[in-house]
Amino acid sequence: MTDAKWPSEIRLADKGKTLKVTFESGESFALPAELLRVESPSAEVQGHSPAERKTVAGKRDVAILAVEPVGNYAVKLQFDDMHDTGLYTWVYLHDLGVRQDAIWRNYLNELAEKGLSR
C-alpha cells in the first residue's frame, strides 16, 4: 500500500451525514453518507458484474450510525437504513474522495434517466 491510501484519521461528522477521511499523504475528503450508501461496494448494490449493478434511490437523508474497523485494510459502515454489508477499503475510500465530483454527477444523471429521486 502507498501512503496515499493509508488513512491517518476516519471520523463521523454532521450527525453521521459525513465521513471525514484523512490520509497519511495529507489528502483529506469529506464523503457524504448518501454517496457512500449509493456507491456501497456490497454485492447488494454492485452485483456480481457491472450488468447487475443497482441504482439506489431515496437516500438523500441517510446517515451513518457506526464505523467498524475490519482488519487493517477497511471499515464497515452501518447506515440508518440498516445497510451494513459493504467493506470500504482504504483504496476504495481514497478513490471515492478523488473522484467524488464525477461519481456524483454520474449518479444524478443515472437517477434522472431512470426517473428516480434522491
Protein backbone atom coordinates (compact mmCIF):
# COMPACT_ATOMS: atom_id res chain seq x y z
CA MET A 1 0.00 0.00 0.00
CA THR A 2 1.15 3.51 -0.69
CA ASP A 3 0.89 6.30 1.84
CA ALA A 4 -1.77 7.95 -0.33
CA LYS A 5 -4.07 5.05 0.51
CA TRP A 6 -3.37 4.69 4.22
CA PRO A 7 -5.72 6.68 6.49
CA SER A 8 -4.45 8.62 9.47
CA GLU A 9 -7.95 9.59 10.64
CA ILE A 10 -11.51 8.45 9.97
CA ARG A 11 -14.38 10.10 11.82
CA LEU A 12 -18.06 10.85 11.53
CA ALA A 13 -19.25 14.45 11.33
CA ASP A 14 -22.54 16.28 10.90
CA LYS A 15 -24.51 13.73 12.96
CA GLY A 16 -23.43 10.88 10.67
CA LYS A 17 -24.13 12.72 7.43
CA THR A 18 -20.41 12.93 6.56
CA LEU A 19 -17.43 10.61 6.89
CA LYS A 20 -14.20 12.57 7.09
CA VAL A 21 -11.13 10.64 5.96
CA THR A 22 -7.59 11.96 6.12
CA PHE A 23 -4.77 10.00 4.52
CA GLU A 24 -1.12 9.98 5.54
CA SER A 25 -0.35 11.73 2.25
CA GLY A 26 -2.19 14.77 3.66
CA GLU A 27 -5.21 14.36 1.40
CA SER A 28 -8.49 14.82 3.21
CA PHE A 29 -12.01 14.09 1.99
CA ALA A 30 -15.47 14.78 3.38
CA LEU A 31 -17.59 11.96 1.96
CA PRO A 32 -21.37 12.39 2.22
CA ALA A 33 -23.24 9.45 3.73
CA GLU A 34 -25.58 9.47 0.74
CA LEU A 35 -22.67 9.00 -1.68
CA LEU A 36 -21.17 6.23 0.45
CA ARG A 37 -24.54 4.46 0.64
CA VAL A 38 -25.39 4.62 -3.06
CA GLU A 39 -21.84 3.61 -4.02
CA SER A 40 -21.61 0.82 -1.44
CA PRO A 41 -19.09 -1.82 -2.51
CA SER A 42 -21.57 -4.51 -1.41
CA ALA A 43 -22.91 -7.17 -3.77
CA GLU A 44 -26.39 -5.82 -2.94
CA VAL A 45 -25.50 -2.59 -4.77
CA GLN A 46 -22.67 -3.56 -7.14
CA GLY A 47 -23.98 -7.01 -8.04
CA HIS A 48 -21.58 -9.67 -9.21
CA SER A 49 -20.96 -7.99 -12.56
CA PRO A 50 -21.39 -4.47 -13.97
CA ALA A 51 -24.68 -5.56 -15.57
CA GLU A 52 -26.08 -6.40 -12.12
CA ARG A 53 -25.24 -3.00 -10.56
CA LYS A 54 -28.27 -1.36 -8.96
CA THR A 55 -29.21 2.30 -8.88
CA VAL A 56 -30.00 3.13 -5.26
CA ALA A 57 -32.56 5.93 -4.94
CA GLY A 58 -34.19 7.68 -1.99
CA LYS A 59 -31.10 8.01 0.22
CA ARG A 60 -30.86 11.81 0.48
CA ASP A 61 -31.32 11.73 4.26
CA VAL A 62 -29.36 8.57 5.08
CA ALA A 63 -26.87 8.75 7.93
CA ILE A 64 -24.04 6.56 9.16
CA LEU A 65 -24.66 5.07 12.59
CA ALA A 66 -21.36 3.26 13.09
CA VAL A 67 -17.90 2.78 11.61
CA GLU A 68 -16.28 -0.59 12.39
CA PRO A 69 -12.66 -1.39 11.54
CA VAL A 70 -12.13 -4.56 9.50
CA GLY A 71 -8.59 -5.78 9.95
CA ASN A 72 -6.17 -3.07 8.92
CA TYR A 73 -7.49 -2.60 5.39
CA ALA A 74 -11.12 -1.42 5.58
CA VAL A 75 -14.12 -0.21 7.54
CA LYS A 76 -17.67 -1.48 7.60
CA LEU A 77 -20.28 1.27 7.70
CA GLN A 78 -23.69 0.80 9.26
CA PHE A 79 -26.31 3.13 7.81
CA ASP A 80 -29.58 4.11 9.47
CA ASP A 81 -31.49 2.26 6.72
CA MET A 82 -29.80 -0.86 8.17
CA HIS A 83 -27.50 -1.42 5.19
CA ASP A 84 -24.17 -2.68 6.53
CA THR A 85 -22.75 -5.22 4.11
CA GLY A 86 -20.11 -3.28 2.18
CA LEU A 87 -16.44 -3.21 3.13
CA TYR A 88 -14.91 0.17 2.33
CA THR A 89 -11.20 -0.44 1.78
CA TRP A 90 -8.69 2.37 2.10
CA VAL A 91 -8.19 2.24 -1.68
CA TYR A 92 -11.95 2.47 -2.28
CA LEU A 93 -12.40 5.40 0.13
CA HIS A 94 -9.47 7.20 -1.48
CA ASP A 95 -10.91 6.61 -4.96
CA LEU A 96 -14.34 7.91 -3.87
CA GLY A 97 -12.67 11.01 -2.46
CA VAL A 98 -10.57 11.72 -5.54
CA ARG A 99 -13.42 11.08 -7.99
CA GLN A 100 -16.28 12.34 -5.83
CA ASP A 101 -17.50 15.06 -8.20
CA ALA A 102 -17.58 12.81 -11.28
CA ILE A 103 -19.19 9.94 -9.36
CA TRP A 104 -21.85 12.31 -8.02
CA ARG A 105 -22.62 13.74 -11.48
CA ASN A 106 -22.94 10.22 -12.93
CA TYR A 107 -25.25 9.22 -10.09
CA LEU A 108 -27.53 12.23 -10.57
CA ASN A 109 -27.65 11.58 -14.33
CA GLU A 110 -28.49 7.92 -13.72
CA LEU A 111 -31.34 8.89 -11.38
CA ALA A 112 -32.71 11.35 -13.93
CA GLU A 113 -32.52 8.81 -16.76
CA LYS A 114 -34.45 6.27 -14.67
CA GLY A 115 -36.99 8.76 -13.31
CA LEU A 116 -35.80 8.22 -9.73
CA SER A 117 -35.15 10.74 -6.97
CA ARG A 118 -32.62 11.13 -4.23
